[in-house]
Amino acid sequence: MPNVVTANRLVDGIVIYLAPDGGWVEELARAKLAGDEEETKALESEAAKAVAERRVVAVYPMEVALRDGVPIATSVRERIRAAHRTTLTKDWYDVPL
């Protein structure tokens, strides 16, 4: 399965994903894909720079499925994180599980 690299932005805790340009994006659909273990390690290495610069925390690779070429979270946990619903609010229950 393909992977993306996810983290939390240090200044506000928002879930973010490593983008193809080396920046970070809030939308999983815009994340850079890694097709194998070697590419995943390269993304993790790239993300480590942002950790060293204290821009992100809690970096890790996550498996995704592709739907029409767009990455989607496969686990319930990651679907909740991708929906940016990590705190209980009145619309929290609208997260598709």
C-alpha atoms as a PDB file:
ATOM      1  CA  MET A   1       0.000   0.000   0.000  1.00  0.00           C
ATOM      2  CA  PRO A   2       1.145   3.555  -0.587  1.00  0.00           C
ATOM      3  CA  ASN A   3       2.068   5.837   2.297  1.00  0.00           C
ATOM      4  CA  VAL A   4       2.099   9.524   3.109  1.00  0.00           C
ATOM      5  CA  VAL A   5       3.877  11.250   5.973  1.00  0.00           C
ATOM      6  CA  THR A   6       1.762  13.017   8.548  1.00  0.00           C
ATOM      7  CA  ALA A   7       2.568  15.251  11.505  1.00  0.00           C
ATOM      8  CA  ASN A   8       1.103  17.972  13.653  1.00  0.00           C
ATOM      9  CA  ARG A   9       1.996  21.605  13.074  1.00  0.00           C
ATOM     10  CA  LEU A  10       3.815  22.773  16.193  1.00  0.00           C
ATOM     11  CA  VAL A  11       2.202  26.221  16.479  1.00  0.00           C
ATOM     12  CA  ASP A  12      -1.409  25.013  16.581  1.00  0.00           C
ATOM     13  CA  GLY A  13      -1.464  21.197  16.582  1.00  0.00           C
ATOM     14  CA  ILE A  14      -3.304  20.958  13.244  1.00  0.00           C
ATOM     15  CA  VAL A  15      -2.869  17.659  11.370  1.00  0.00           C
ATOM     16  CA  ILE A  16      -0.719  18.164   8.277  1.00  0.00           C
ATOM     17  CA  TYR A  17       0.831  16.100   5.490  1.00  0.00           C
ATOM     18  CA  LEU A  18       4.134  16.382   3.647  1.00  0.00           C
ATOM     19  CA  ALA A  19       3.469  17.859   0.204  1.00  0.00           C
ATOM     20  CA  PRO A  20       5.236  17.189  -3.114  1.00  0.00           C
ATOM     21  CA  ASP A  21       7.006  20.574  -2.926  1.00  0.00           C
ATOM     22  CA  GLY A  22       8.487  19.748   0.515  1.00  0.00           C
ATOM     23  CA  GLY A  23       6.030  21.988   2.336  1.00  0.00           C
ATOM     24  CA  TRP A  24       3.124  20.894   4.483  1.00  0.00           C
ATOM     25  CA  VAL A  25      -0.585  20.862   3.645  1.00  0.00           C
ATOM     26  CA  GLU A  26      -3.735  20.305   5.683  1.00  0.00           C
ATOM     27  CA  GLU A  27      -5.480  18.275   2.965  1.00  0.00           C
ATOM     28  CA  LEU A  28      -4.638  14.596   2.702  1.00  0.00           C
ATOM     29  CA  ALA A  29      -5.555  14.679  -0.999  1.00  0.00           C
ATOM     30  CA  ARG A  30      -2.576  17.001  -1.634  1.00  0.00           C
ATOM     31  CA  ALA A  31       0.005  14.845   0.207  1.00  0.00           C
ATOM     32  CA  LYS A  32       3.064  13.382  -1.487  1.00  0.00           C
ATOM     33  CA  LEU A  33       2.764   9.642  -2.034  1.00  0.00           C
ATOM     34  CA  ALA A  34       5.404   7.028  -1.358  1.00  0.00           C
ATOM     35  CA  GLY A  35       4.939   3.796  -3.268  1.00  0.00           C
ATOM     36  CA  ASP A  36       7.402   1.604  -1.392  1.00  0.00           C
ATOM     37  CA  GLU A  37       9.516   1.394   1.757  1.00  0.00           C
ATOM     38  CA  GLU A  38      12.479   3.223   0.201  1.00  0.00           C
ATOM     39  CA  GLU A  39      10.300   6.167  -0.873  1.00  0.00           C
ATOM     40  CA  THR A  40       8.649   6.228   2.556  1.00  0.00           C
ATOM     41  CA  LYS A  41      12.064   6.435   4.252  1.00  0.00           C
ATOM     42  CA  ALA A  42      12.966   9.334   1.932  1.00  0.00           C
ATOM     43  CA  LEU A  43       9.791  11.184   2.943  1.00  0.00           C
ATOM     44  CA  GLU A  44      10.529  10.569   6.617  1.00  0.00           C
ATOM     45  CA  SER A  45      14.037  11.945   6.120  1.00  0.00           C
ATOM     46  CA  GLU A  46      12.608  15.034   4.436  1.00  0.00           C
ATOM     47  CA  ALA A  47      10.115  15.482   7.281  1.00  0.00           C
ATOM     48  CA  ALA A  48      12.899  15.185   9.864  1.00  0.00           C
ATOM     49  CA  LYS A  49      14.188  18.562   8.657  1.00  0.00           C
ATOM     50  CA  ALA A  50      10.911  20.204   9.681  1.00  0.00           C
ATOM     51  CA  VAL A  51      11.169  18.507  13.084  1.00  0.00           C
ATOM     52  CA  ALA A  52      14.714  19.863  13.513  1.00  0.00           C
ATOM     53  CA  GLU A  53      13.437  23.321  12.554  1.00  0.00           C
ATOM     54  CA  ARG A  54      10.682  22.942  15.168  1.00  0.00           C
ATOM     55  CA  ARG A  55       7.871  23.390  12.675  1.00  0.00           C
ATOM     56  CA  VAL A  56       6.219  19.975  13.170  1.00  0.00           C
ATOM     57  CA  VAL A  57       5.955  17.221  15.785  1.00  0.00           C
ATOM     58  CA  ALA A  58       4.808  13.602  15.874  1.00  0.00           C
ATOM     59  CA  VAL A  59       5.916  12.696  12.339  1.00  0.00           C
ATOM     60  CA  TYR A  60       5.070   9.227  11.090  1.00  0.00           C
ATOM     61  CA  PRO A  61       4.175   7.433   7.860  1.00  0.00           C
ATOM     62  CA  MET A  62       0.595   6.302   7.383  1.00  0.00           C
ATOM     63  CA  GLU A  63      -0.887   3.842   4.930  1.00  0.00           C
ATOM     64  CA  VAL A  64      -3.414   5.191   2.493  1.00  0.00           C
ATOM     65  CA  ALA A  65      -5.627   3.741  -0.207  1.00  0.00           C
ATOM     66  CA  LEU A  66      -6.023   5.428  -3.559  1.00  0.00           C
ATOM     67  CA  ARG A  67      -9.431   6.361  -4.887  1.00  0.00           C
ATOM     68  CA  ASP A  68      -9.220   7.753  -8.413  1.00  0.00           C
ATOM     69  CA  GLY A  69      -5.535   8.466  -7.735  1.00  0.00           C
ATOM     70  CA  VAL A  70      -6.267  10.461  -4.575  1.00  0.00           C
ATOM     71  CA  PRO A  71      -5.009   9.235  -1.186  1.00  0.00           C
ATOM     72  CA  ILE A  72      -7.628   8.442   1.442  1.00  0.00           C
ATOM     73  CA  ALA A  73      -7.075   7.376   5.033  1.00  0.00           C
ATOM     74  CA  THR A  74      -7.639   3.684   5.684  1.00  0.00           C
ATOM     75  CA  SER A  75      -7.972   3.603   9.473  1.00  0.00           C
ATOM     76  CA  VAL A  76     -10.707   5.183  11.561  1.00  0.00           C
ATOM     77  CA  ARG A  77      -8.088   7.106  13.529  1.00  0.00           C
ATOM     78  CA  GLU A  78      -6.576   8.620  10.402  1.00  0.00           C
ATOM     79  CA  ARG A  79      -9.992   9.419   8.907  1.00  0.00           C
ATOM     80  CA  ILE A  80     -10.795  11.382  12.072  1.00  0.00           C
ATOM     81  CA  ARG A  81      -7.421  13.168  11.914  1.00  0.00           C
ATOM     82  CA  ALA A  82      -7.846  13.911   8.184  1.00  0.00           C
ATOM     83  CA  ALA A  83     -11.280  15.392   8.883  1.00  0.00           C
ATOM     84  CA  HIS A  84      -9.636  17.679  11.493  1.00  0.00           C
ATOM     85  CA  ARG A  85     -12.126  16.505  14.089  1.00  0.00           C
ATOM     86  CA  THR A  86      -9.752  15.615  16.927  1.00  0.00           C
ATOM     87  CA  THR A  87     -11.729  17.494  19.558  1.00  0.00           C
ATOM     88  CA  LEU A  88     -15.325  16.777  20.488  1.00  0.00           C
ATOM     89  CA  THR A  89     -17.582  19.399  18.933  1.00  0.00           C
ATOM     90  CA  LYS A  90     -21.229  19.353  17.837  1.00  0.00           C
ATOM     91  CA  ASP A  91     -20.222  18.368  14.278  1.00  0.00           C
ATOM     92  CA  TRP A  92     -17.757  15.696  15.385  1.00  0.00           C
ATOM     93  CA  TYR A  93     -20.352  12.982  14.819  1.00  0.00           C
ATOM     94  CA  ASP A  94     -20.508  13.869  11.107  1.00  0.00           C
ATOM     95  CA  VAL A  95     -17.093  12.278  10.479  1.00  0.00           C
ATOM     96  CA  PRO A  96     -17.560   9.365   8.040  1.00  0.00           C
ATOM     97  CA  LEU A  97     -16.238   6.219   9.659  1.00  0.00           C
END
